[in-house]
Amino acid sequence: MSATFTGLGGVVLVWSAALAIPGPDLLALSLSLSGGRRCAFLAVVGITCGTALWGLACLFGLTVIFATAPWAFVALRCIGAAYLAMLGLNLLRSRGSQDARGSLHDPIRCCFCLGFGANLSNPKTVLFFASLMAGAPGAEAAVVALTTAISALGYGALATAGATQHISEVLARHQITIRRLAGGLFLLLAAMLIAQA
């Protein structure tokens, strides 16, 4: 029992640290903040659902499939890269505040999908889950529950901090610049995924 508790403590520390690493989730959350508090929290729900889905997929054997059919992991990586590239191009093509607001202010669908899609676009999460589950044998379901809860709390705290009145006003003033930077970063992440394929 002590080894499992120690393994779960490691999961908490590692996953908490991983939230701070810039990647698709943090970028999606930053972008959603320009759509306001509601949009940011819907993106957090999307990110959290993506985390839970990846965790459950690993729990039910996705890592075994990738180990026996490496081409499936490469295919998933290419699909994730295509999604990020599409998102990046759409952000770069937006032509003003009306375009920028149009896609992010369809609150339920677009903001949720931004977070969910960004999370699912990163197939390295599967490998991350596999290593965390290996560190807590017999407690794999607890690993999924902990990582999902930490994602919700961590990204929720970031959304709360970022959605303050002052920060929201600054983000709204610089929305087009933020979208262009985010578009470029999504394209860079897509290129990195393809390069690793």
N, C-alpha and C. Protein backbone atom coordinates (compact mmCIF):
# COMPACT_ATOMS: atom_id res chain seq x y z
N MET A 1 0.83 -1.20 0.00
CA MET A 1 0.00 0.00 0.00
C MET A 1 0.87 1.25 0.00
N SER A 2 1.98 1.21 0.74
CA SER A 2 2.88 2.36 0.81
C SER A 2 3.49 2.67 -0.55
N ALA A 3 3.86 1.63 -1.31
CA ALA A 3 4.43 1.84 -2.64
C ALA A 3 3.41 2.49 -3.56
N THR A 4 2.14 2.07 -3.44
CA THR A 4 1.10 2.67 -4.27
C THR A 4 0.90 4.13 -3.91
N PHE A 5 0.89 4.42 -2.59
CA PHE A 5 0.73 5.81 -2.15
C PHE A 5 1.90 6.66 -2.64
N THR A 6 3.12 6.14 -2.54
CA THR A 6 4.30 6.86 -3.02
C THR A 6 4.20 7.07 -4.53
N GLY A 7 3.76 6.04 -5.25
CA GLY A 7 3.59 6.16 -6.70
C GLY A 7 2.56 7.22 -7.05
N LEU A 8 1.47 7.28 -6.31
CA LEU A 8 0.44 8.29 -6.56
C LEU A 8 0.93 9.68 -6.19
N GLY A 9 1.76 9.78 -5.17
CA GLY A 9 2.37 11.08 -4.82
C GLY A 9 3.24 11.57 -5.96
N GLY A 10 3.96 10.65 -6.57
CA GLY A 10 4.78 11.01 -7.73
C GLY A 10 3.93 11.47 -8.90
N VAL A 11 2.78 10.81 -9.07
CA VAL A 11 1.86 11.20 -10.14
C VAL A 11 1.40 12.64 -9.93
N VAL A 12 1.04 12.98 -8.71
CA VAL A 12 0.58 14.34 -8.40
C VAL A 12 1.68 15.35 -8.72
N LEU A 13 2.89 15.08 -8.29
CA LEU A 13 4.00 16.01 -8.54
C LEU A 13 4.31 16.14 -10.02
N VAL A 14 4.42 15.03 -10.71
CA VAL A 14 4.78 15.05 -12.13
C VAL A 14 3.70 15.71 -12.96
N TRP A 15 2.44 15.34 -12.73
CA TRP A 15 1.36 15.92 -13.54
C TRP A 15 1.19 17.41 -13.25
N SER A 16 1.35 17.80 -11.99
CA SER A 16 1.25 19.22 -11.64
C SER A 16 2.34 20.01 -12.35
N ALA A 17 3.55 19.48 -12.39
CA ALA A 17 4.64 20.16 -13.08
C ALA A 17 4.39 20.20 -14.59
N ALA A 18 3.81 19.14 -15.12
CA ALA A 18 3.55 19.06 -16.56
C ALA A 18 2.55 20.12 -17.02
N LEU A 19 1.64 20.53 -16.14
CA LEU A 19 0.66 21.56 -16.51
C LEU A 19 1.33 22.88 -16.88
N ALA A 20 2.48 23.14 -16.28
CA ALA A 20 3.16 24.41 -16.52
C ALA A 20 3.98 24.41 -17.81
N ILE A 21 4.18 23.26 -18.41
CA ILE A 21 4.98 23.17 -19.63
C ILE A 21 4.13 23.68 -20.79
N PRO A 22 4.63 24.66 -21.53
CA PRO A 22 3.85 25.16 -22.67
C PRO A 22 3.59 24.06 -23.69
N GLY A 23 2.37 23.99 -24.13
CA GLY A 23 1.96 23.01 -25.12
C GLY A 23 0.57 23.37 -25.60
N PRO A 24 -0.07 22.46 -26.32
CA PRO A 24 -1.40 22.76 -26.86
C PRO A 24 -2.44 23.16 -25.82
N ASP A 25 -2.44 22.52 -24.65
CA ASP A 25 -3.45 22.84 -23.63
C ASP A 25 -3.29 24.27 -23.11
N LEU A 26 -2.08 24.62 -22.74
CA LEU A 26 -1.83 25.96 -22.21
C LEU A 26 -2.08 27.02 -23.28
N LEU A 27 -1.73 26.70 -24.51
CA LEU A 27 -1.97 27.64 -25.60
C LEU A 27 -3.47 27.82 -25.84
N ALA A 28 -4.22 26.73 -25.82
CA ALA A 28 -5.68 26.81 -26.01
C ALA A 28 -6.32 27.62 -24.89
N LEU A 29 -5.86 27.41 -23.66
CA LEU A 29 -6.40 28.17 -22.53
C LEU A 29 -6.08 29.65 -22.68
N SER A 30 -4.85 29.97 -23.05
CA SER A 30 -4.47 31.37 -23.24
C SER A 30 -5.33 32.03 -24.31
N LEU A 31 -5.53 31.32 -25.40
CA LEU A 31 -6.34 31.85 -26.49
C LEU A 31 -7.79 32.03 -26.06
N SER A 32 -8.33 31.08 -25.32
CA SER A 32 -9.73 31.15 -24.90
C SER A 32 -9.98 32.31 -23.94
N LEU A 33 -8.97 32.72 -23.19
CA LEU A 33 -9.14 33.82 -22.25
C LEU A 33 -9.56 35.10 -22.96
N SER A 34 -9.16 35.28 -24.22
CA SER A 34 -9.56 36.49 -24.93
C SER A 34 -11.06 36.46 -25.24
N GLY A 35 -11.70 35.31 -25.09
CA GLY A 35 -13.14 35.20 -25.28
C GLY A 35 -13.93 35.42 -24.00
N GLY A 36 -13.23 35.67 -22.89
CA GLY A 36 -13.91 35.93 -21.63
C GLY A 36 -13.86 34.74 -20.69
N ARG A 37 -14.36 34.98 -19.50
CA ARG A 37 -14.33 33.96 -18.43
C ARG A 37 -15.08 32.69 -18.81
N ARG A 38 -16.27 32.83 -19.37
CA ARG A 38 -17.06 31.65 -19.71
C ARG A 38 -16.34 30.79 -20.75
N CYS A 39 -15.79 31.45 -21.75
CA CYS A 39 -15.05 30.73 -22.79
C CYS A 39 -13.85 30.00 -22.18
N ALA A 40 -13.12 30.67 -21.30
CA ALA A 40 -11.96 30.05 -20.67
C ALA A 40 -12.35 28.82 -19.87
N PHE A 41 -13.44 28.91 -19.11
CA PHE A 41 -13.84 27.76 -18.31
C PHE A 41 -14.37 26.62 -19.17
N LEU A 42 -15.01 26.94 -20.28
CA LEU A 42 -15.44 25.88 -21.20
C LEU A 42 -14.22 25.20 -21.84
N ALA A 43 -13.18 25.97 -22.12
CA ALA A 43 -11.94 25.38 -22.63
C ALA A 43 -11.32 24.46 -21.58
N VAL A 44 -11.38 24.87 -20.31
CA VAL A 44 -10.86 24.03 -19.22
C VAL A 44 -11.64 22.72 -19.16
N VAL A 45 -12.95 22.79 -19.31
CA VAL A 45 -13.77 21.56 -19.32
C VAL A 45 -13.35 20.67 -20.49
N GLY A 46 -13.11 21.28 -21.65
CA GLY A 46 -12.65 20.51 -22.82
C GLY A 46 -11.30 19.85 -22.57
N ILE A 47 -10.36 20.60 -22.01
CA ILE A 47 -9.02 20.06 -21.70
C ILE A 47 -9.14 18.91 -20.71
N THR A 48 -9.97 19.11 -19.69
CA THR A 48 -10.14 18.08 -18.66
C THR A 48 -10.79 16.83 -19.25
N CYS A 49 -11.77 16.99 -20.11
CA CYS A 49 -12.40 15.83 -20.76
C CYS A 49 -11.39 15.09 -21.64
N GLY A 50 -10.54 15.85 -22.32
CA GLY A 50 -9.49 15.23 -23.15
C GLY A 50 -8.52 14.44 -22.29
N THR A 51 -8.13 15.01 -21.15
CA THR A 51 -7.23 14.31 -20.22
C THR A 51 -7.87 13.01 -19.76
N ALA A 52 -9.14 13.07 -19.38
CA ALA A 52 -9.84 11.86 -18.92
C ALA A 52 -9.93 10.83 -20.03
N LEU A 53 -10.20 11.28 -21.25
CA LEU A 53 -10.30 10.35 -22.38
C LEU A 53 -8.98 9.65 -22.66
N TRP A 54 -7.87 10.43 -22.66
CA TRP A 54 -6.56 9.81 -22.86
C TRP A 54 -6.26 8.81 -21.74
N GLY A 55 -6.56 9.19 -20.50
CA GLY A 55 -6.30 8.30 -19.38
C GLY A 55 -7.10 7.01 -19.46
N LEU A 56 -8.37 7.15 -19.80
CA LEU A 56 -9.21 5.95 -19.94
C LEU A 56 -8.76 5.09 -21.11
N ALA A 57 -8.35 5.71 -22.19
CA ALA A 57 -7.85 4.95 -23.35
C ALA A 57 -6.62 4.13 -22.95
N CYS A 58 -5.74 4.73 -22.18
CA CYS A 58 -4.56 3.99 -21.70
C CYS A 58 -4.96 2.88 -20.74
N LEU A 59 -5.90 3.20 -19.89
CA LEU A 59 -6.37 2.22 -18.92
C LEU A 59 -6.94 0.98 -19.61
N PHE A 60 -7.59 1.20 -20.75
CA PHE A 60 -8.21 0.09 -21.47
C PHE A 60 -7.36 -0.45 -22.61
N GLY A 61 -6.06 -0.10 -22.64
CA GLY A 61 -5.15 -0.79 -23.54
C GLY A 61 -4.63 -0.06 -24.76
N LEU A 62 -4.82 1.23 -24.87
CA LEU A 62 -4.33 1.94 -26.04
C LEU A 62 -2.81 1.85 -26.16
N THR A 63 -2.12 1.87 -25.03
CA THR A 63 -0.66 1.78 -25.08
C THR A 63 -0.21 0.43 -25.63
N VAL A 64 -0.97 -0.62 -25.35
CA VAL A 64 -0.64 -1.95 -25.88
C VAL A 64 -0.80 -1.94 -27.40
N ILE A 65 -1.85 -1.30 -27.88
CA ILE A 65 -2.05 -1.20 -29.33
C ILE A 65 -0.89 -0.46 -29.98
N PHE A 66 -0.48 0.65 -29.37
CA PHE A 66 0.64 1.41 -29.93
C PHE A 66 1.95 0.63 -29.88
N ALA A 67 2.12 -0.21 -28.86
CA ALA A 67 3.34 -1.01 -28.76
C ALA A 67 3.38 -2.09 -29.83
N THR A 68 2.23 -2.67 -30.14
CA THR A 68 2.20 -3.74 -31.14
C THR A 68 2.03 -3.21 -32.56
N ALA A 69 1.51 -2.02 -32.71
CA ALA A 69 1.33 -1.41 -34.04
C ALA A 69 1.82 0.03 -34.01
N PRO A 70 3.14 0.23 -34.07
CA PRO A 70 3.69 1.59 -33.97
C PRO A 70 3.15 2.54 -35.04
N TRP A 71 2.73 2.00 -36.16
CA TRP A 71 2.18 2.86 -37.21
C TRP A 71 0.91 3.57 -36.74
N ALA A 72 0.19 2.95 -35.79
CA ALA A 72 -1.03 3.58 -35.28
C ALA A 72 -0.69 4.84 -34.49
N PHE A 73 0.41 4.80 -33.75
CA PHE A 73 0.84 5.99 -33.01
C PHE A 73 1.28 7.09 -33.97
N VAL A 74 2.00 6.70 -35.03
CA VAL A 74 2.44 7.67 -36.03
C VAL A 74 1.21 8.29 -36.71
N ALA A 75 0.22 7.46 -37.02
CA ALA A 75 -1.00 7.98 -37.65
C ALA A 75 -1.72 8.96 -36.72
N LEU A 76 -1.81 8.62 -35.46
CA LEU A 76 -2.46 9.51 -34.49
C LEU A 76 -1.68 10.82 -34.36
N ARG A 77 -0.37 10.72 -34.37
CA ARG A 77 0.47 11.92 -34.30
C ARG A 77 0.22 12.81 -35.53
N CYS A 78 0.09 12.21 -36.70
CA CYS A 78 -0.17 12.99 -37.92
C CYS A 78 -1.55 13.64 -37.88
N ILE A 79 -2.53 12.93 -37.35
CA ILE A 79 -3.88 13.50 -37.21
C ILE A 79 -3.84 14.69 -36.24
N GLY A 80 -3.13 14.52 -35.12
CA GLY A 80 -2.98 15.62 -34.17
C GLY A 80 -2.29 16.82 -34.79
N ALA A 81 -1.25 16.56 -35.58
CA ALA A 81 -0.54 17.65 -36.26
C ALA A 81 -1.45 18.35 -37.26
N ALA A 82 -2.26 17.58 -37.97
CA ALA A 82 -3.18 18.19 -38.94
C ALA A 82 -4.20 19.09 -38.23
N TYR A 83 -4.70 18.64 -37.08
CA TYR A 83 -5.64 19.46 -36.32
C TYR A 83 -4.98 20.76 -35.87
N LEU A 84 -3.78 20.66 -35.32
CA LEU A 84 -3.08 21.86 -34.87
C LEU A 84 -2.79 22.81 -36.03
N ALA A 85 -2.40 22.24 -37.17
CA ALA A 85 -2.12 23.07 -38.35
C ALA A 85 -3.38 23.78 -38.82
N MET A 86 -4.51 23.06 -38.85
CA MET A 86 -5.78 23.67 -39.26
C MET A 86 -6.16 24.80 -38.30
N LEU A 87 -6.02 24.55 -37.02
CA LEU A 87 -6.32 25.56 -36.02
C LEU A 87 -5.40 26.77 -36.18
N GLY A 88 -4.12 26.52 -36.38
CA GLY A 88 -3.16 27.60 -36.57
C GLY A 88 -3.47 28.44 -37.81
N LEU A 89 -3.78 27.78 -38.91
CA LEU A 89 -4.10 28.51 -40.14
C LEU A 89 -5.37 29.34 -39.98
N ASN A 90 -6.36 28.78 -39.32
CA ASN A 90 -7.60 29.54 -39.09
C ASN A 90 -7.35 30.78 -38.24
N LEU A 91 -6.49 30.64 -37.25
CA LEU A 91 -6.18 31.79 -36.41
C LEU A 91 -5.40 32.85 -37.19
N LEU A 92 -4.48 32.43 -38.03
CA LEU A 92 -3.70 33.38 -38.82
C LEU A 92 -4.57 34.09 -39.85
N ARG A 93 -5.60 33.41 -40.35
CA ARG A 93 -6.45 34.01 -41.39
C ARG A 93 -7.53 34.95 -40.84
N SER A 94 -7.75 34.95 -39.54
CA SER A 94 -8.79 35.83 -39.01
C SER A 94 -8.42 37.27 -39.33
N ARG A 95 -9.43 38.07 -39.72
CA ARG A 95 -9.17 39.41 -40.25
C ARG A 95 -9.67 40.54 -39.38
N GLY A 96 -9.73 40.41 -38.18
CA GLY A 96 -10.21 41.53 -37.37
C GLY A 96 -11.00 41.01 -36.20
N SER A 97 -11.49 41.94 -35.41
CA SER A 97 -12.16 41.53 -34.19
C SER A 97 -13.44 40.76 -34.45
N GLN A 98 -14.10 41.02 -35.58
CA GLN A 98 -15.33 40.27 -35.85
C GLN A 98 -15.01 38.79 -36.12
N ASP A 99 -13.98 38.52 -36.94
CA ASP A 99 -13.58 37.13 -37.17
C ASP A 99 -13.08 36.50 -35.87
N ALA A 100 -12.28 37.26 -35.15
CA ALA A 100 -11.70 36.73 -33.92
C ALA A 100 -12.79 36.41 -32.90
N ARG A 101 -13.77 37.30 -32.79
CA ARG A 101 -14.84 37.06 -31.83
C ARG A 101 -15.78 35.96 -32.30
N GLY A 102 -15.99 35.87 -33.60
CA GLY A 102 -16.95 34.92 -34.13
C GLY A 102 -16.65 33.50 -33.72
N SER A 103 -15.38 33.09 -33.80
CA SER A 103 -15.09 31.70 -33.52
C SER A 103 -15.02 31.41 -32.03
N LEU A 104 -14.63 32.40 -31.22
CA LEU A 104 -14.50 32.12 -29.80
C LEU A 104 -15.74 32.48 -28.99
N HIS A 105 -16.67 33.21 -29.56
CA HIS A 105 -17.83 33.59 -28.77
C HIS A 105 -19.05 32.73 -29.06
N ASP A 106 -18.88 31.61 -29.72
CA ASP A 106 -19.92 30.60 -29.80
C ASP A 106 -19.62 29.73 -28.58
N PRO A 107 -20.10 30.15 -27.40
CA PRO A 107 -19.51 29.70 -26.15
C PRO A 107 -19.42 28.20 -25.92
N ILE A 108 -20.50 27.50 -26.05
CA ILE A 108 -20.45 26.11 -25.63
C ILE A 108 -19.64 25.26 -26.58
N ARG A 109 -19.94 25.34 -27.85
CA ARG A 109 -19.30 24.45 -28.80
C ARG A 109 -17.84 24.81 -29.06
N CYS A 110 -17.56 26.03 -29.45
CA CYS A 110 -16.21 26.39 -29.89
C CYS A 110 -15.20 26.41 -28.76
N CYS A 111 -15.53 26.97 -27.64
CA CYS A 111 -14.57 27.06 -26.54
C CYS A 111 -14.27 25.68 -25.97
N PHE A 112 -15.30 24.86 -25.79
CA PHE A 112 -15.09 23.50 -25.34
C PHE A 112 -14.24 22.73 -26.35
N CYS A 113 -14.59 22.84 -27.63
CA CYS A 113 -13.87 22.11 -28.68
C CYS A 113 -12.43 22.57 -28.79
N LEU A 114 -12.17 23.84 -28.56
CA LEU A 114 -10.80 24.35 -28.59
C LEU A 114 -9.95 23.61 -27.54
N GLY A 115 -10.44 23.53 -26.32
CA GLY A 115 -9.70 22.83 -25.26
C GLY A 115 -9.61 21.33 -25.51
N PHE A 116 -10.73 20.72 -25.89
CA PHE A 116 -10.78 19.28 -26.12
C PHE A 116 -9.88 18.89 -27.29
N GLY A 117 -10.01 19.62 -28.38
CA GLY A 117 -9.21 19.31 -29.57
C GLY A 117 -7.72 19.52 -29.34
N ALA A 118 -7.39 20.59 -28.64
CA ALA A 118 -5.97 20.84 -28.35
C ALA A 118 -5.40 19.73 -27.49
N ASN A 119 -6.15 19.27 -26.51
CA ASN A 119 -5.67 18.19 -25.65
C ASN A 119 -5.50 16.89 -26.45
N LEU A 120 -6.47 16.56 -27.27
CA LEU A 120 -6.39 15.31 -28.03
C LEU A 120 -5.35 15.37 -29.14
N SER A 121 -4.93 16.58 -29.52
CA SER A 121 -3.95 16.69 -30.60
C SER A 121 -2.55 16.28 -30.17
N ASN A 122 -2.36 16.01 -28.90
CA ASN A 122 -1.04 15.69 -28.39
C ASN A 122 -0.95 14.21 -28.01
N PRO A 123 -0.59 13.35 -28.96
CA PRO A 123 -0.57 11.91 -28.65
C PRO A 123 0.54 11.50 -27.69
N LYS A 124 1.47 12.39 -27.40
CA LYS A 124 2.51 12.06 -26.42
C LYS A 124 1.91 11.87 -25.04
N THR A 125 0.69 12.37 -24.85
CA THR A 125 0.01 12.20 -23.57
C THR A 125 -0.17 10.71 -23.26
N VAL A 126 -0.39 9.90 -24.29
CA VAL A 126 -0.55 8.45 -24.09
C VAL A 126 0.71 7.88 -23.45
N LEU A 127 1.87 8.27 -23.97
CA LEU A 127 3.13 7.77 -23.42
C LEU A 127 3.34 8.27 -21.99
N PHE A 128 2.93 9.49 -21.75
CA PHE A 128 3.04 10.07 -20.42
C PHE A 128 2.18 9.28 -19.43
N PHE A 129 0.95 8.99 -19.84
CA PHE A 129 0.06 8.20 -18.98
C PHE A 129 0.64 6.81 -18.73
N ALA A 130 1.18 6.20 -19.77
CA ALA A 130 1.75 4.85 -19.62
C ALA A 130 2.87 4.86 -18.57
N SER A 131 3.72 5.88 -18.61
CA SER A 131 4.81 5.93 -17.63
C SER A 131 4.29 6.21 -16.23
N LEU A 132 3.26 7.05 -16.11
CA LEU A 132 2.69 7.32 -14.78
C LEU A 132 2.02 6.07 -14.22
N MET A 133 1.32 5.33 -15.08
CA MET A 133 0.64 4.11 -14.61
C MET A 133 1.66 3.04 -14.20
N ALA A 134 2.79 3.01 -14.89
CA ALA A 134 3.83 2.05 -14.52
C ALA A 134 4.41 2.37 -13.14
N GLY A 135 4.40 3.64 -12.77
CA GLY A 135 4.92 4.05 -11.46
C GLY A 135 3.95 3.83 -10.32
N ALA A 136 2.72 3.46 -10.63
CA ALA A 136 1.72 3.21 -9.59
C ALA A 136 0.95 1.94 -9.93
N PRO A 137 1.65 0.79 -9.98
CA PRO A 137 0.98 -0.45 -10.37
C PRO A 137 -0.18 -0.80 -9.43
N GLY A 138 -1.27 -1.23 -10.03
CA GLY A 138 -2.46 -1.58 -9.26
C GLY A 138 -3.35 -0.39 -8.96
N ALA A 139 -2.89 0.81 -9.30
CA ALA A 139 -3.66 2.01 -9.00
C ALA A 139 -3.89 2.83 -10.28
N GLU A 140 -3.98 2.14 -11.41
CA GLU A 140 -4.11 2.82 -12.69
C GLU A 140 -5.35 3.70 -12.76
N ALA A 141 -6.47 3.22 -12.22
CA ALA A 141 -7.70 4.03 -12.24
C ALA A 141 -7.52 5.28 -11.38
N ALA A 142 -6.79 5.15 -10.29
CA ALA A 142 -6.51 6.32 -9.44
C ALA A 142 -5.64 7.33 -10.18
N VAL A 143 -4.72 6.84 -11.03
CA VAL A 143 -3.88 7.73 -11.83
C VAL A 143 -4.76 8.57 -12.76
N VAL A 144 -5.72 7.92 -13.41
CA VAL A 144 -6.63 8.64 -14.31
C VAL A 144 -7.43 9.67 -13.53
N ALA A 145 -7.96 9.28 -12.38
CA ALA A 145 -8.76 10.21 -11.57
C ALA A 145 -7.92 11.39 -11.08
N LEU A 146 -6.71 11.12 -10.61
CA LEU A 146 -5.84 12.19 -10.11
C LEU A 146 -5.44 13.17 -11.22
N THR A 147 -5.03 12.64 -12.37
CA THR A 147 -4.59 13.52 -13.45
C THR A 147 -5.74 14.37 -13.97
N THR A 148 -6.92 13.78 -14.02
CA THR A 148 -8.09 14.53 -14.46
C THR A 148 -8.42 15.64 -13.46
N ALA A 149 -8.40 15.31 -12.17
CA ALA A 149 -8.69 16.31 -11.13
C ALA A 149 -7.63 17.41 -11.12
N ILE A 150 -6.37 17.04 -11.25
CA ILE A 150 -5.29 18.04 -11.25
C ILE A 150 -5.42 18.95 -12.47
N SER A 151 -5.76 18.38 -13.62
CA SER A 151 -5.96 19.20 -14.82
C SER A 151 -7.09 20.20 -14.60
N ALA A 152 -8.20 19.72 -14.05
CA ALA A 152 -9.34 20.61 -13.82
C ALA A 152 -8.96 21.73 -12.85
N LEU A 153 -8.32 21.37 -11.75
CA LEU A 153 -7.95 22.37 -10.75
C LEU A 153 -6.87 23.32 -11.25
N GLY A 154 -5.84 22.78 -11.88
CA GLY A 154 -4.73 23.60 -12.35
C GLY A 154 -5.14 24.56 -13.45
N TYR A 155 -5.78 24.03 -14.49
CA TYR A 155 -6.21 24.91 -15.58
C TYR A 155 -7.35 25.82 -15.13
N GLY A 156 -8.18 25.33 -14.21
CA GLY A 156 -9.24 26.18 -13.66
C GLY A 156 -8.67 27.36 -12.90
N ALA A 157 -7.60 27.12 -12.14
CA ALA A 157 -6.94 28.22 -11.41
C ALA A 157 -6.33 29.22 -12.40
N LEU A 158 -5.71 28.70 -13.46
CA LEU A 158 -5.14 29.60 -14.47
C LEU A 158 -6.24 30.42 -15.15
N ALA A 159 -7.36 29.78 -15.44
CA ALA A 159 -8.47 30.50 -16.07
C ALA A 159 -9.03 31.57 -15.14
N THR A 160 -9.14 31.25 -13.87
CA THR A 160 -9.63 32.23 -12.89
C THR A 160 -8.69 33.42 -12.80
N ALA A 161 -7.40 33.15 -12.72
CA ALA A 161 -6.42 34.24 -12.63
C ALA A 161 -6.41 35.07 -13.91
N GLY A 162 -6.52 34.40 -15.05
CA GLY A 162 -6.47 35.10 -16.33
C GLY A 162 -7.73 35.84 -16.68
N ALA A 163 -8.83 35.50 -16.03
CA ALA A 163 -10.12 36.12 -16.38
C ALA A 163 -10.46 37.31 -15.49
N THR A 164 -9.49 37.82 -14.76
CA THR A 164 -9.77 39.02 -13.97
C THR A 164 -10.07 40.19 -14.89
N GLN A 165 -10.72 41.19 -14.37
CA GLN A 165 -11.15 42.33 -15.18
C GLN A 165 -9.98 42.97 -15.94
N HIS A 166 -8.91 43.27 -15.24
CA HIS A 166 -7.77 43.94 -15.88
C HIS A 166 -7.16 43.08 -16.98
N ILE A 167 -6.90 41.82 -16.68
CA ILE A 167 -6.29 40.94 -17.68
C ILE A 167 -7.23 40.73 -18.86
N SER A 168 -8.53 40.60 -18.60
CA SER A 168 -9.50 40.44 -19.69
C SER A 168 -9.49 41.65 -20.62
N GLU A 169 -9.39 42.85 -20.05
CA GLU A 169 -9.35 44.06 -20.88
C GLU A 169 -8.09 44.11 -21.74
N VAL A 170 -6.96 43.74 -21.16
CA VAL A 170 -5.70 43.72 -21.92
C VAL A 170 -5.79 42.69 -23.03
N LEU A 171 -6.29 41.52 -22.73
CA LEU A 171 -6.42 40.47 -23.74
C LEU A 171 -7.37 40.91 -24.86
N ALA A 172 -8.47 41.56 -24.49
CA ALA A 172 -9.42 42.02 -25.51
C ALA A 172 -8.79 43.05 -26.44
N ARG A 173 -7.97 43.94 -25.89
CA ARG A 173 -7.31 44.96 -26.72
C ARG A 173 -6.31 44.34 -27.69
N HIS A 174 -5.69 43.25 -27.30
CA HIS A 174 -4.64 42.64 -28.11
C HIS A 174 -5.08 41.30 -28.71
N GLN A 175 -6.37 41.14 -28.87
CA GLN A 175 -6.92 39.87 -29.31
C GLN A 175 -6.36 39.41 -30.66
N ILE A 176 -6.25 40.30 -31.62
CA ILE A 176 -5.77 39.91 -32.95
C ILE A 176 -4.31 39.47 -32.87
N THR A 177 -3.49 40.21 -32.14
CA THR A 177 -2.09 39.84 -31.99
C THR A 177 -1.97 38.48 -31.29
N ILE A 178 -2.76 38.28 -30.27
CA ILE A 178 -2.75 37.00 -29.55
C ILE A 178 -3.13 35.86 -30.48
N ARG A 179 -4.17 36.08 -31.29
CA ARG A 179 -4.61 35.04 -32.21
C ARG A 179 -3.52 34.72 -33.24
N ARG A 180 -2.84 35.73 -33.72
CA ARG A 180 -1.78 35.51 -34.71
C ARG A 180 -0.61 34.76 -34.08
N LEU A 181 -0.22 35.17 -32.88
CA LEU A 181 0.86 34.46 -32.18
C LEU A 181 0.46 33.01 -31.89
N ALA A 182 -0.77 32.83 -31.42
CA ALA A 182 -1.25 31.48 -31.13
C ALA A 182 -1.29 30.64 -32.41
N GLY A 183 -1.73 31.25 -33.51
CA GLY A 183 -1.75 30.53 -34.79
C GLY A 183 -0.37 30.07 -35.19
N GLY A 184 0.61 30.95 -35.05
CA GLY A 184 1.98 30.58 -35.36
C GLY A 184 2.50 29.48 -34.46
N LEU A 185 2.17 29.56 -33.17
CA LEU A 185 2.62 28.54 -32.23
C LEU A 185 1.94 27.19 -32.50
N PHE A 186 0.65 27.21 -32.85
CA PHE A 186 -0.02 25.95 -33.20
C PHE A 186 0.63 25.34 -34.44
N LEU A 187 1.00 26.16 -35.42
CA LEU A 187 1.69 25.64 -36.61
C LEU A 187 3.05 25.07 -36.24
N LEU A 188 3.76 25.73 -35.33
CA LEU A 188 5.05 25.23 -34.88
C LEU A 188 4.89 23.88 -34.17
N LEU A 189 3.89 23.78 -33.30
CA LEU A 189 3.64 22.50 -32.62
C LEU A 189 3.30 21.40 -33.62
N ALA A 190 2.52 21.75 -34.65
CA ALA A 190 2.17 20.77 -35.69
C ALA A 190 3.43 20.30 -36.40
N ALA A 191 4.31 21.23 -36.75
CA ALA A 191 5.55 20.88 -37.44
C ALA A 191 6.42 19.98 -36.55
N MET A 192 6.45 20.26 -35.25
CA MET A 192 7.23 19.44 -34.33
C MET A 192 6.67 18.02 -34.25
N LEU A 193 5.35 17.90 -34.24
CA LEU A 193 4.74 16.55 -34.21
C LEU A 193 5.08 15.77 -35.47
N ILE A 194 5.01 16.43 -36.62
CA ILE A 194 5.34 15.77 -37.89
C ILE A 194 6.82 15.38 -37.92
N ALA A 195 7.67 16.26 -37.45
CA ALA A 195 9.12 15.98 -37.45
C ALA A 195 9.45 14.76 -36.58
N GLN A 196 8.67 14.54 -35.55
CA GLN A 196 8.92 13.40 -34.65
C GLN A 196 8.26 12.12 -35.14
N ALA A 197 7.44 12.22 -36.17
CA ALA A 197 6.72 11.03 -36.66
C ALA A 197 7.63 10.05 -37.36
